Protein backbone atom coordinates (compact mmCIF):
# COMPACT_ATOMS: atom_id res chain seq x y z
CA MET A 1 4.19 -11.74 2.98
CA LEU A 2 5.20 -9.12 0.42
CA ARG A 3 6.82 -6.07 1.97
CA GLU A 4 9.19 -3.26 1.13
CA GLY A 5 12.88 -3.94 1.65
CA LEU A 6 12.97 -7.28 -0.14
CA ASN A 7 15.25 -7.50 -3.15
CA ALA A 8 13.85 -8.43 -6.55
CA ASN A 9 14.70 -12.14 -6.28
CA GLU A 10 13.13 -12.36 -2.83
CA ILE A 11 9.98 -10.73 -4.19
CA ARG A 12 9.94 -13.22 -7.08
CA MET A 13 10.09 -16.11 -4.65
CA GLU A 14 7.34 -14.65 -2.45
CA ILE A 15 5.04 -14.10 -5.45
CA LYS A 16 5.78 -17.62 -6.69
CA LYS A 17 4.84 -18.95 -3.25
CA ILE A 18 1.63 -16.85 -2.99
CA ASN A 19 0.39 -17.52 -6.54
CA PRO A 20 2.57 -19.79 -8.71
CA GLU A 21 0.11 -19.58 -11.64
CA PHE A 22 0.43 -15.80 -11.65
CA TYR A 23 4.22 -15.93 -11.45
CA ASN A 24 4.54 -18.41 -14.31
CA ARG A 25 2.48 -16.20 -16.61
CA TYR A 26 3.78 -12.79 -15.63
CA SER A 27 7.42 -13.80 -15.70
CA LYS A 28 6.84 -14.04 -19.47
CA ILE A 29 5.31 -10.54 -19.62
CA ASP A 30 7.83 -8.65 -17.46
CA ASP A 31 10.57 -10.36 -15.48
CA SER A 32 12.64 -7.26 -14.76
CA ASP A 33 13.87 -6.44 -11.27
CA GLU A 34 12.18 -3.04 -11.51
CA PHE A 35 8.81 -4.67 -12.18
CA TYR A 36 8.96 -6.81 -9.06
CA ILE A 37 10.30 -4.02 -6.87
CA HIS A 38 7.44 -1.73 -7.89
CA MET A 39 4.92 -4.51 -7.28
CA VAL A 40 5.50 -4.08 -3.53
CA LYS A 41 6.26 -0.36 -3.44
CA PRO A 42 3.33 1.65 -1.99
CA ILE A 43 1.41 3.60 -4.62
CA ARG A 44 1.91 7.36 -4.73
CA SER A 45 -1.11 9.46 -3.74
CA SER A 46 -2.48 11.70 -6.47
CA PHE A 47 -5.47 13.90 -7.14
CA ARG A 48 -7.16 15.84 -9.92
CA VAL A 49 -8.49 19.38 -9.54
CA ASN A 50 -12.18 19.59 -10.42
CA THR A 51 -12.31 22.70 -12.61
CA LEU A 52 -16.12 22.61 -12.59
CA LYS A 53 -15.85 24.12 -9.11
CA ILE A 54 -12.47 25.81 -8.79
CA ASP A 55 -9.35 26.74 -10.75
CA VAL A 56 -6.10 24.80 -10.45
CA GLU A 57 -4.09 27.71 -9.04
CA SER A 58 -6.46 28.23 -6.10
CA VAL A 59 -6.32 24.58 -5.09
CA ILE A 60 -2.53 24.48 -5.21
CA GLU A 61 -2.42 27.60 -3.05
CA ASN A 62 -4.87 26.07 -0.56
CA LEU A 63 -2.76 22.91 -0.36
CA SER A 64 0.59 24.68 -0.10
CA ASN A 65 1.40 22.83 3.13
CA TYR A 66 1.76 19.61 1.15
CA GLU A 67 4.50 18.52 -1.24
CA ILE A 68 2.80 18.61 -4.63
CA GLN A 69 4.22 17.58 -8.00
CA ALA A 70 2.54 18.07 -11.37
CA ILE A 71 1.54 14.95 -13.33
CA PRO A 72 3.06 15.46 -16.82
CA TRP A 73 0.18 13.91 -18.78
CA CYS A 74 -2.74 15.66 -17.04
CA LYS A 75 -2.64 19.42 -16.46
CA GLU A 76 -5.19 19.18 -13.62
CA GLY A 77 -3.44 16.20 -11.97
CA PHE A 78 -0.89 16.20 -9.15
CA PHE A 79 1.09 13.76 -7.03
CA VAL A 80 0.96 14.58 -3.33
CA ASN A 81 2.79 13.34 -0.23
CA ALA A 82 -0.40 12.62 1.73
CA ASN A 83 -3.87 11.14 1.52
CA LEU A 84 -6.22 14.08 1.05
CA GLY A 85 -9.42 12.12 1.67
CA SER A 86 -10.21 13.97 4.90
CA THR A 87 -9.56 17.46 3.56
CA ILE A 88 -12.31 20.00 2.96
CA GLU A 89 -11.18 20.23 -0.66
CA HIS A 90 -12.06 16.58 -1.18
CA GLN A 91 -15.30 16.72 0.77
CA LEU A 92 -16.53 19.71 -1.24
CA GLY A 93 -15.63 18.12 -4.55
CA LEU A 94 -12.91 20.63 -5.38
CA ILE A 95 -10.54 17.73 -5.93
CA PHE A 96 -10.98 14.06 -6.83
CA ILE A 97 -8.52 11.55 -5.40
CA GLN A 98 -7.57 9.56 -8.48
CA GLU A 99 -4.66 7.33 -9.48
CA ALA A 100 -2.38 9.16 -11.89
CA SER A 101 -2.44 6.69 -14.79
CA SER A 102 -6.24 6.49 -14.69
CA MET A 103 -6.39 10.16 -15.67
CA ILE A 104 -5.13 9.28 -19.17
CA PRO A 105 -8.34 7.96 -20.79
CA ALA A 106 -10.39 11.16 -20.46
CA VAL A 107 -7.38 13.25 -21.53
CA VAL A 108 -7.17 11.47 -24.90
CA MET A 109 -10.92 11.38 -25.69
CA ASP A 110 -10.84 14.73 -27.61
CA LEU A 111 -13.79 15.99 -25.57
CA GLU A 112 -15.67 19.23 -26.22
CA PRO A 113 -18.74 20.92 -24.72
CA LYS A 114 -22.18 19.84 -25.99
CA MET A 115 -21.09 16.32 -26.92
CA LEU A 116 -23.15 13.22 -26.24
CA THR A 117 -20.78 10.78 -24.52
CA LEU A 118 -21.05 7.30 -23.04
CA ASP A 119 -19.11 5.96 -20.07
CA VAL A 120 -19.82 2.24 -20.27
CA ALA A 121 -18.46 1.19 -16.86
CA ALA A 122 -18.57 4.45 -14.95
CA SER A 123 -18.51 3.71 -11.22
CA PRO A 124 -17.02 5.04 -8.98
CA GLY A 125 -17.01 8.08 -11.26
CA ALA A 126 -13.43 9.38 -11.34
CA LYS A 127 -13.29 9.36 -15.12
CA THR A 128 -16.94 10.43 -15.49
CA THR A 129 -16.32 13.57 -13.46
CA GLN A 130 -13.16 14.21 -15.47
CA ILE A 131 -15.15 13.87 -18.70
CA ALA A 132 -17.71 16.35 -17.36
CA GLN A 133 -15.07 18.97 -16.59
CA TYR A 134 -13.57 18.67 -20.07
CA MET A 135 -17.09 19.08 -21.48
CA GLU A 136 -17.53 22.11 -19.18
CA ASN A 137 -20.83 20.70 -17.91
CA GLU A 138 -22.43 21.19 -21.33
CA GLY A 139 -23.95 18.31 -23.29
CA CYS A 140 -24.83 14.87 -21.91
CA ILE A 141 -22.95 11.94 -20.39
CA VAL A 142 -24.64 8.57 -20.12
CA ALA A 143 -22.89 7.19 -17.04
CA ASN A 144 -23.58 3.46 -16.89
CA ASP A 145 -22.71 0.65 -14.54
CA VAL A 146 -23.95 -2.92 -14.40
CA LYS A 147 -24.03 -3.38 -10.60
CA PHE A 148 -26.63 -1.83 -8.31
CA SER A 149 -24.11 -1.81 -5.46
CA ARG A 150 -21.89 0.56 -7.48
CA ILE A 151 -24.58 2.99 -8.62
CA ASN A 152 -24.90 4.85 -5.31
CA ILE A 153 -21.18 5.67 -5.09
CA LEU A 154 -21.28 6.85 -8.71
CA ILE A 155 -24.23 9.16 -8.05
CA SER A 156 -22.63 10.43 -4.84
CA ASN A 157 -19.40 11.38 -6.62
CA LEU A 158 -21.25 13.04 -9.50
CA GLN A 159 -23.22 15.14 -7.03
CA ARG A 160 -20.18 15.99 -4.90
CA CYS A 161 -18.29 17.21 -7.97
CA GLY A 162 -21.15 19.30 -9.33
CA VAL A 163 -21.73 17.24 -12.48
CA LEU A 164 -25.03 18.41 -13.98
CA ILE A 165 -25.03 16.61 -17.34
CA ALA A 166 -24.86 12.92 -16.35
CA LYS A 167 -27.74 10.50 -16.84
CA VAL A 168 -27.05 7.40 -14.74
CA THR A 169 -28.12 4.01 -16.12
CA MET A 170 -27.76 0.45 -14.87
CA LYS A 171 -27.26 -1.88 -17.83
CA ASP A 172 -24.93 -4.59 -19.02
CA GLY A 173 -22.57 -2.56 -21.22
CA ARG A 174 -23.33 -4.79 -24.20
CA PHE A 175 -26.86 -3.35 -24.15
CA PHE A 176 -25.59 -0.19 -25.88
CA LYS A 177 -24.87 -2.10 -29.09
CA ARG A 178 -28.47 -1.32 -30.10
CA TYR A 179 -27.65 2.42 -30.24
CA LYS A 180 -25.68 2.32 -33.46
CA ASP A 181 -23.76 5.50 -34.46
CA THR A 182 -25.19 7.49 -31.52
CA PHE A 183 -22.41 8.82 -29.28
CA ASP A 184 -19.77 11.45 -30.10
CA ALA A 185 -17.27 9.81 -27.73
CA VAL A 186 -17.24 6.59 -25.70
CA LEU A 187 -15.12 5.45 -22.77
CA LEU A 188 -14.83 1.76 -21.97
CA ASP A 189 -12.74 1.47 -18.82
CA ALA A 190 -13.31 -2.25 -18.83
CA PRO A 191 -13.69 -4.64 -15.91
CA CYS A 192 -10.42 -6.54 -15.67
CA SER A 193 -8.20 -8.74 -13.52
CA ASN A 194 -6.71 -5.66 -11.76
CA VAL A 195 -3.08 -6.76 -11.98
CA GLY A 196 -2.01 -3.12 -12.26
CA MET A 197 -3.51 -2.52 -8.82
CA ILE A 198 -1.55 -5.17 -6.92
CA ARG A 199 0.75 -2.54 -5.43
CA LYS A 200 -2.36 -0.86 -3.99
CA ASN A 201 -3.84 -4.06 -2.57
CA TYR A 202 -2.16 -7.47 -2.48
CA LYS A 203 -5.54 -9.24 -2.56
CA TYR A 204 -5.45 -8.93 -6.36
CA LEU A 205 -2.35 -11.14 -6.41
CA LYS A 206 -3.94 -13.77 -4.18
CA LEU A 207 -7.22 -13.79 -6.13
CA TRP A 208 -5.71 -13.85 -9.64
CA ARG A 209 -6.62 -16.94 -11.69
CA TYR A 210 -5.92 -17.53 -15.38
CA LYS A 211 -9.39 -19.01 -15.91
CA ASP A 212 -10.86 -15.70 -14.73
CA VAL A 213 -8.70 -13.81 -17.25
CA ILE A 214 -10.12 -15.96 -20.06
CA GLY A 215 -13.68 -15.17 -18.98
CA ILE A 216 -12.98 -11.47 -18.54
CA SER A 217 -11.37 -11.28 -21.99
CA LYS A 218 -14.53 -12.68 -23.57
CA LEU A 219 -16.62 -10.09 -21.74
CA GLN A 220 -14.24 -7.30 -22.77
CA LYS A 221 -14.54 -8.31 -26.44
CA GLY A 222 -18.31 -8.11 -26.23
CA LEU A 223 -18.13 -4.75 -24.49
CA ILE A 224 -15.66 -3.17 -26.91
CA LEU A 225 -17.71 -4.29 -29.92
CA ALA A 226 -20.86 -2.79 -28.39
CA ALA A 227 -19.03 0.43 -27.48
CA TYR A 228 -17.65 0.79 -31.01
CA THR A 229 -21.06 0.10 -32.57
CA ALA A 230 -22.60 2.86 -30.42
CA LEU A 231 -19.93 5.37 -31.53
CA LYS A 232 -20.68 7.87 -34.30
CA PRO A 233 -18.46 7.90 -37.40
CA GLY A 234 -15.66 10.36 -36.69
CA GLY A 235 -15.92 9.73 -32.97
CA VAL A 236 -13.34 8.47 -30.47
CA LEU A 237 -13.60 5.32 -28.37
CA VAL A 238 -11.06 4.94 -25.58
CA TYR A 239 -10.51 1.43 -24.21
CA SER A 240 -8.58 1.13 -20.97
CA THR A 241 -7.78 -1.38 -18.23
CA CYS A 242 -5.73 -1.41 -15.04
CA THR A 243 -4.16 -4.74 -15.94
CA LEU A 244 -1.19 -5.95 -17.99
CA ASP A 245 -2.34 -9.25 -19.49
CA PRO A 246 -2.23 -9.31 -23.31
CA LEU A 247 -5.43 -11.36 -23.28
CA GLU A 248 -7.26 -8.38 -21.76
CA ASN A 249 -5.43 -5.65 -23.64
CA GLU A 250 -3.77 -6.21 -27.01
CA GLU A 251 -5.96 -9.20 -27.83
CA VAL A 252 -9.18 -7.24 -27.18
CA VAL A 253 -8.03 -4.40 -29.43
CA ASP A 254 -6.90 -6.89 -32.07
CA TYR A 255 -10.36 -8.50 -31.89
CA LEU A 256 -12.01 -5.14 -32.61
CA ILE A 257 -9.66 -4.43 -35.52
CA SER A 258 -10.35 -7.88 -36.98
CA ASN A 259 -14.12 -7.52 -36.81
CA THR A 260 -14.70 -3.84 -37.71
CA ASP A 261 -13.18 -0.95 -39.65
CA ALA A 262 -11.74 0.52 -36.44
CA GLU A 263 -8.54 2.56 -36.67
CA ILE A 264 -6.08 2.88 -33.81
CA GLU A 265 -4.65 6.34 -33.21
CA LYS A 266 -1.25 6.76 -31.59
CA ILE A 267 -1.34 8.39 -28.16
CA ASN A 268 1.20 11.18 -27.74
CA LEU A 269 1.68 12.09 -24.10
CA LYS A 270 4.62 12.98 -21.86
CA ILE A 271 4.76 9.53 -20.34
CA LYS A 272 7.08 6.54 -20.24
CA SER A 273 5.70 3.23 -21.46
CA HIS A 274 6.50 -0.29 -22.59
CA LYS A 275 6.12 -1.46 -26.16
CA PRO A 276 2.75 -3.16 -26.70
CA ILE A 277 2.93 -6.93 -27.04
CA LEU A 278 2.49 -8.11 -30.64
CA GLU A 279 2.99 -11.84 -29.98
CA PHE A 280 2.32 -13.85 -26.86
CA ASN A 281 2.17 -17.62 -26.28
CA GLY A 282 2.16 -18.27 -30.03
CA LYS A 283 -0.62 -15.79 -30.83
CA GLU A 284 0.15 -12.79 -33.05
CA TYR A 285 -1.69 -9.46 -32.95
CA SER A 286 -2.15 -6.73 -35.55
CA SER A 287 0.78 -4.35 -35.93
CA GLU A 288 -1.75 -1.54 -35.33
CA VAL A 289 -1.71 -2.56 -31.68
CA ARG A 290 1.74 -0.99 -31.38
CA LYS A 291 -0.05 2.42 -31.27
CA CYS A 292 -1.60 1.56 -27.89
CA LEU A 293 -0.17 2.68 -24.55
CA ARG A 294 1.10 -0.08 -22.24
CA ILE A 295 2.27 1.23 -18.87
CA HIS A 296 4.05 -0.99 -16.35
CA PRO A 297 4.28 0.12 -12.68
CA GLN A 298 7.97 0.98 -12.90
CA ASP A 299 7.60 3.21 -15.97
CA ASN A 300 6.20 6.22 -14.09
CA ASP A 301 5.85 4.86 -10.54
CA THR A 302 2.07 4.39 -11.00
CA GLU A 303 -0.39 1.55 -11.35
CA GLY A 304 -0.01 -0.67 -14.37
CA PHE A 305 -2.35 0.54 -17.11
CA PHE A 306 -3.33 0.08 -20.75
CA VAL A 307 -5.00 2.59 -23.09
CA ALA A 308 -6.14 2.36 -26.71
CA LYS A 309 -7.53 5.32 -28.65
CA ILE A 310 -9.84 4.11 -31.40
CA VAL A 311 -11.37 6.18 -34.20
CA LYS A 312 -14.44 5.29 -36.26
CA ARG A 313 -14.21 6.54 -39.84
């Protein structure tokens, strides 16, 4: 079983034993020692201050007993040396326990008060509540999710964090294609194969299958096309996943570029990243894809993540 203390080659062998199909594919994506070491390293705890309810300085003062480190790419985000899930700050919605790399999408959406925004796959609501605080609880967020089982946790988190501007819907995200040129900003944090989350839960390694990646990629292409169609000209669509497979990341963005007039905008944040993949298994992607943000676990000691900022002219 994977555990800390193994060297990189031992981890390779364990992964190959647990899921040889995964190993054969991902050894082509990142075969560095650092990648494998961070695959088994426990994820750092992190949280975001909910400025709808309290200012950052007050929270940091309240949590002064903990070791807290600022997250460079999110001014309300912090790494912490403990799980704060049982604290009063969490229970009152003053903070939201959120993985550090997942704070990026809302940061780059260019949000302002009074916007009409769409969160296509919103549950459990970390990014939705972040969107609401950047909009200062003014405007409207359509917070959608396709599964009934996920709607209650979404509503609970919106209520706990004091979000007043969210309208919760339960639709297949492709439904929103009918609302052409409607939303000022759209977030598609797409369902994915969760490879970036393996260090949080090894079940994602055991469950990974290439055939599932193919199916998910097709769904993601349908979702991103619908999300872009629903976006107003001049608006920003952010596409993100917590996986590292080019089929779910660069290929999905390339598909949008090939089928629309979408423009990719370079993301400038204080963050380390890998170069996006422009060719994989004989398939080439648009050079515009190089403007996307590909984050491997070892880059910033976070989950693996992918973010594309897309503008509709």
